Amino acid sequence: MFALGQICRDVRLLLGQTRHILTVNSARCMSKAASQPEPSVDENEVVSPTFVNRNPRNLEQMALAVKDRGWKTTWPHREFYHRLVFARSQHHVTAEVFSSSSPIPVLSCSTKEWAVKQELASTRCVAASQAVGEVLAHRCKQAGITRMVYRAIPWQYRSEAVQSFRTAMKDGGIVLSEPRRKYIGT
């Protein structure tokens, strides 16, 4: 009889533990978040109407941004994202990169700068033009500007200083032309 009573207690204890395990597992299942239905493919492809482009140069780099055309009779033409201007005065060489949206240069380099001037024998020679081209190309790469328009006046274009400047810019990884604007049909 003693053995039968012990077996009954063991069975009750075992059933009580399994009942406790079942209630804990069911409580765990209840606390889990219900699974969400899978969104349809059409919802994933919809662009939010409140999208804000935080990279202002993104459309420019894809050649989708609008270029201001200006009048056909104006010179220099205004159809560019960035324009390179190279100027030589009696004493110095200067190069500036302008954005289409601002009359203030985005980047510039000149032999007036002490760091450039101290490395040169003369601030107007061909070597000065090459040095300005190398420094400006490096600054453009750091700023993320790799393409720009450069249209030299034809009688200045043949100059050896202008040619060395252009070569230094190209060797620095700058492309001196911009892609044509892409028009996307609707």
Protein backbone atom coordinates (compact mmCIF):
# COMPACT_ATOMS: atom_id res chain seq x y z
CA MET A 1 0.00 0.00 0.00
CA PHE A 2 2.89 2.25 0.84
CA ALA A 3 4.35 1.76 -2.63
CA LEU A 4 1.01 2.57 -4.25
CA GLY A 5 0.67 5.81 -2.26
CA GLN A 6 4.20 6.80 -3.22
CA ILE A 7 3.42 6.20 -6.88
CA CYS A 8 0.22 8.30 -6.66
CA ARG A 9 2.18 11.21 -5.09
CA ASP A 10 4.82 10.94 -7.77
CA VAL A 11 2.17 10.96 -10.52
CA ARG A 12 0.42 13.99 -8.95
CA LEU A 13 3.73 15.78 -8.61
CA LEU A 14 4.62 14.94 -12.19
CA LEU A 15 1.23 16.09 -13.49
CA GLY A 16 1.49 19.29 -11.46
CA GLN A 17 4.92 20.05 -12.93
CA THR A 18 3.76 19.42 -16.49
CA ARG A 19 0.69 21.61 -15.89
CA HIS A 20 3.05 24.34 -14.64
CA ILE A 21 5.32 23.89 -17.69
CA LEU A 22 2.33 24.09 -20.05
CA THR A 23 1.04 27.31 -18.45
CA VAL A 24 4.50 28.94 -18.60
CA ASN A 25 4.94 28.01 -22.28
CA SER A 26 1.47 29.26 -23.16
CA ALA A 27 2.21 32.51 -21.29
CA ARG A 28 5.40 32.87 -23.29
CA CYS A 29 3.48 32.34 -26.51
CA MET A 30 0.96 34.97 -25.48
CA SER A 31 3.70 37.55 -24.77
CA LYS A 32 5.22 37.25 -28.26
CA ALA A 33 4.11 39.82 -30.82
CA ALA A 34 1.72 38.55 -33.38
CA SER A 35 3.36 38.01 -36.72
CA GLN A 36 2.69 40.78 -39.24
CA PRO A 37 1.33 39.88 -42.63
CA GLU A 38 3.90 40.21 -45.41
CA PRO A 39 3.55 43.53 -47.26
CA SER A 40 2.69 43.32 -50.89
CA VAL A 41 5.34 44.07 -53.51
CA ASP A 42 3.45 47.18 -54.64
CA GLU A 43 3.79 48.80 -51.21
CA ASN A 44 7.58 48.38 -51.28
CA GLU A 45 7.90 50.20 -54.58
CA VAL A 46 5.90 53.27 -53.58
CA VAL A 47 8.01 56.38 -52.91
CA SER A 48 6.99 58.45 -49.95
CA PRO A 49 5.54 61.82 -50.99
CA THR A 50 7.46 63.45 -48.13
CA PHE A 51 10.90 62.28 -49.32
CA VAL A 52 13.67 64.81 -48.71
CA ASN A 53 16.93 64.44 -50.61
CA ARG A 54 19.68 65.16 -48.10
CA ASN A 55 22.43 64.97 -50.72
CA PRO A 56 22.02 68.09 -52.84
CA ARG A 57 24.61 66.91 -55.40
CA ASN A 58 23.03 63.51 -55.97
CA LEU A 59 21.00 64.56 -59.02
CA GLU A 60 23.98 66.48 -60.36
CA GLN A 61 26.22 63.42 -60.18
CA MET A 62 23.60 61.37 -62.03
CA ALA A 63 23.30 64.18 -64.65
CA LEU A 64 19.60 64.61 -63.84
CA ALA A 65 19.75 68.04 -62.19
CA VAL A 66 18.58 71.04 -64.16
CA LYS A 67 21.33 73.11 -65.76
CA ASP A 68 20.59 76.80 -66.08
CA ARG A 69 20.82 77.47 -69.79
CA GLY A 70 20.71 81.25 -69.83
CA TRP A 71 20.60 83.13 -73.12
CA LYS A 72 22.39 81.68 -76.12
CA THR A 73 24.11 85.02 -76.69
CA THR A 74 25.76 85.18 -73.26
CA TRP A 75 29.38 84.29 -72.85
CA PRO A 76 30.62 82.31 -71.01
CA HIS A 77 27.74 79.86 -71.28
CA ARG A 78 25.84 79.16 -68.09
CA GLU A 79 24.99 75.53 -68.80
CA PHE A 80 27.19 73.82 -66.19
CA TYR A 81 27.20 72.38 -62.69
CA HIS A 82 30.77 73.53 -61.96
CA ARG A 83 32.94 75.82 -64.05
CA LEU A 84 36.72 76.22 -63.86
CA VAL A 85 38.18 79.68 -64.38
CA PHE A 86 41.93 80.06 -64.88
CA ALA A 87 43.43 83.55 -64.81
CA ARG A 88 46.95 84.93 -65.06
CA SER A 89 47.79 88.46 -64.01
CA GLN A 90 51.11 90.30 -64.15
CA HIS A 91 52.27 88.73 -60.90
CA HIS A 92 50.10 85.73 -60.02
CA VAL A 93 48.23 82.71 -61.34
CA THR A 94 44.73 81.99 -60.00
CA ALA A 95 42.25 79.17 -60.59
CA GLU A 96 38.71 79.07 -59.21
CA VAL A 97 35.81 76.62 -59.37
CA PHE A 98 32.35 78.19 -59.50
CA SER A 99 29.01 76.52 -58.90
CA SER A 100 26.13 77.33 -61.22
CA SER A 101 24.07 78.59 -58.30
CA SER A 102 26.58 81.03 -56.79
CA PRO A 103 28.85 83.82 -58.02
CA ILE A 104 31.24 83.09 -55.13
CA PRO A 105 33.93 80.47 -55.89
CA VAL A 106 33.44 77.06 -54.31
CA LEU A 107 37.18 76.26 -54.44
CA SER A 108 40.17 78.33 -55.38
CA CYS A 109 43.94 78.17 -55.54
CA SER A 110 46.42 80.91 -56.24
CA THR A 111 50.11 81.67 -56.12
CA LYS A 112 49.14 84.39 -53.62
CA GLU A 113 48.81 81.64 -51.00
CA TRP A 114 51.93 81.33 -48.92
CA ALA A 115 52.06 77.52 -49.04
CA VAL A 116 52.12 77.58 -52.86
CA LYS A 117 54.30 80.69 -53.20
CA GLN A 118 57.16 79.41 -51.01
CA GLU A 119 57.69 76.36 -53.25
CA LEU A 120 58.02 78.38 -56.47
CA ALA A 121 60.83 80.45 -57.92
CA SER A 122 58.36 82.67 -59.78
CA THR A 123 54.62 83.14 -59.22
CA ARG A 124 53.84 83.62 -62.92
CA CYS A 125 55.84 80.97 -64.81
CA VAL A 126 54.70 77.68 -66.36
CA ALA A 127 55.75 75.79 -63.22
CA ALA A 128 53.45 78.05 -61.17
CA SER A 129 50.52 77.16 -63.45
CA GLN A 130 51.29 73.48 -63.07
CA ALA A 131 51.57 73.77 -59.27
CA VAL A 132 48.23 75.62 -59.05
CA GLY A 133 46.64 72.88 -61.21
CA GLU A 134 47.98 70.10 -58.98
CA VAL A 135 46.85 71.78 -55.75
CA LEU A 136 43.41 72.65 -57.12
CA ALA A 137 42.93 69.10 -58.44
CA HIS A 138 43.73 67.73 -54.99
CA ARG A 139 41.26 70.13 -53.34
CA CYS A 140 38.57 69.22 -55.86
CA LYS A 141 39.04 65.52 -55.18
CA GLN A 142 38.74 66.18 -51.43
CA ALA A 143 35.53 68.15 -52.01
CA GLY A 144 34.08 65.41 -54.24
CA ILE A 145 34.05 67.47 -57.42
CA THR A 146 35.49 65.35 -60.21
CA ARG A 147 33.88 66.86 -63.31
CA MET A 148 33.73 70.49 -64.36
CA VAL A 149 33.52 72.63 -67.46
CA TYR A 150 36.65 74.44 -68.62
CA ARG A 151 36.42 76.58 -71.72
CA ALA A 152 39.54 78.63 -72.31
CA ILE A 153 39.51 81.59 -74.64
CA PRO A 154 41.02 80.28 -77.91
CA TRP A 155 43.97 82.69 -78.04
CA GLN A 156 44.83 81.87 -74.40
CA TYR A 157 44.34 78.13 -74.87
CA ARG A 158 47.49 77.78 -76.96
CA SER A 159 49.64 79.14 -74.14
CA GLU A 160 52.13 76.73 -72.62
CA ALA A 161 51.05 77.77 -69.10
CA VAL A 162 47.42 76.97 -69.83
CA GLN A 163 48.37 73.62 -71.34
CA SER A 164 50.46 72.69 -68.26
CA PHE A 165 47.55 73.73 -66.00
CA ARG A 166 45.10 71.53 -67.94
CA THR A 167 47.53 68.60 -67.88
CA ALA A 168 48.02 68.94 -64.12
CA MET A 169 44.26 68.98 -63.55
CA LYS A 170 43.76 65.89 -65.73
CA ASP A 171 46.64 64.06 -64.05
CA GLY A 172 45.02 64.90 -60.70
CA GLY A 173 41.91 62.94 -61.72
CA ILE A 174 39.64 65.80 -62.79
CA VAL A 175 37.58 65.47 -65.97
CA LEU A 176 37.34 68.83 -67.71
CA SER A 177 33.92 68.24 -69.26
CA GLU A 178 30.51 67.40 -67.88
CA PRO A 179 28.04 64.82 -69.10
CA ARG A 180 25.06 66.04 -71.07
CA ARG A 181 21.93 66.34 -69.02
CA LYS A 182 19.70 63.25 -69.19
CA TYR A 183 16.03 63.80 -69.85
CA ILE A 184 13.75 61.11 -68.50
CA GLY A 185 10.53 60.58 -70.41
CA THR A 186 7.34 60.25 -68.45
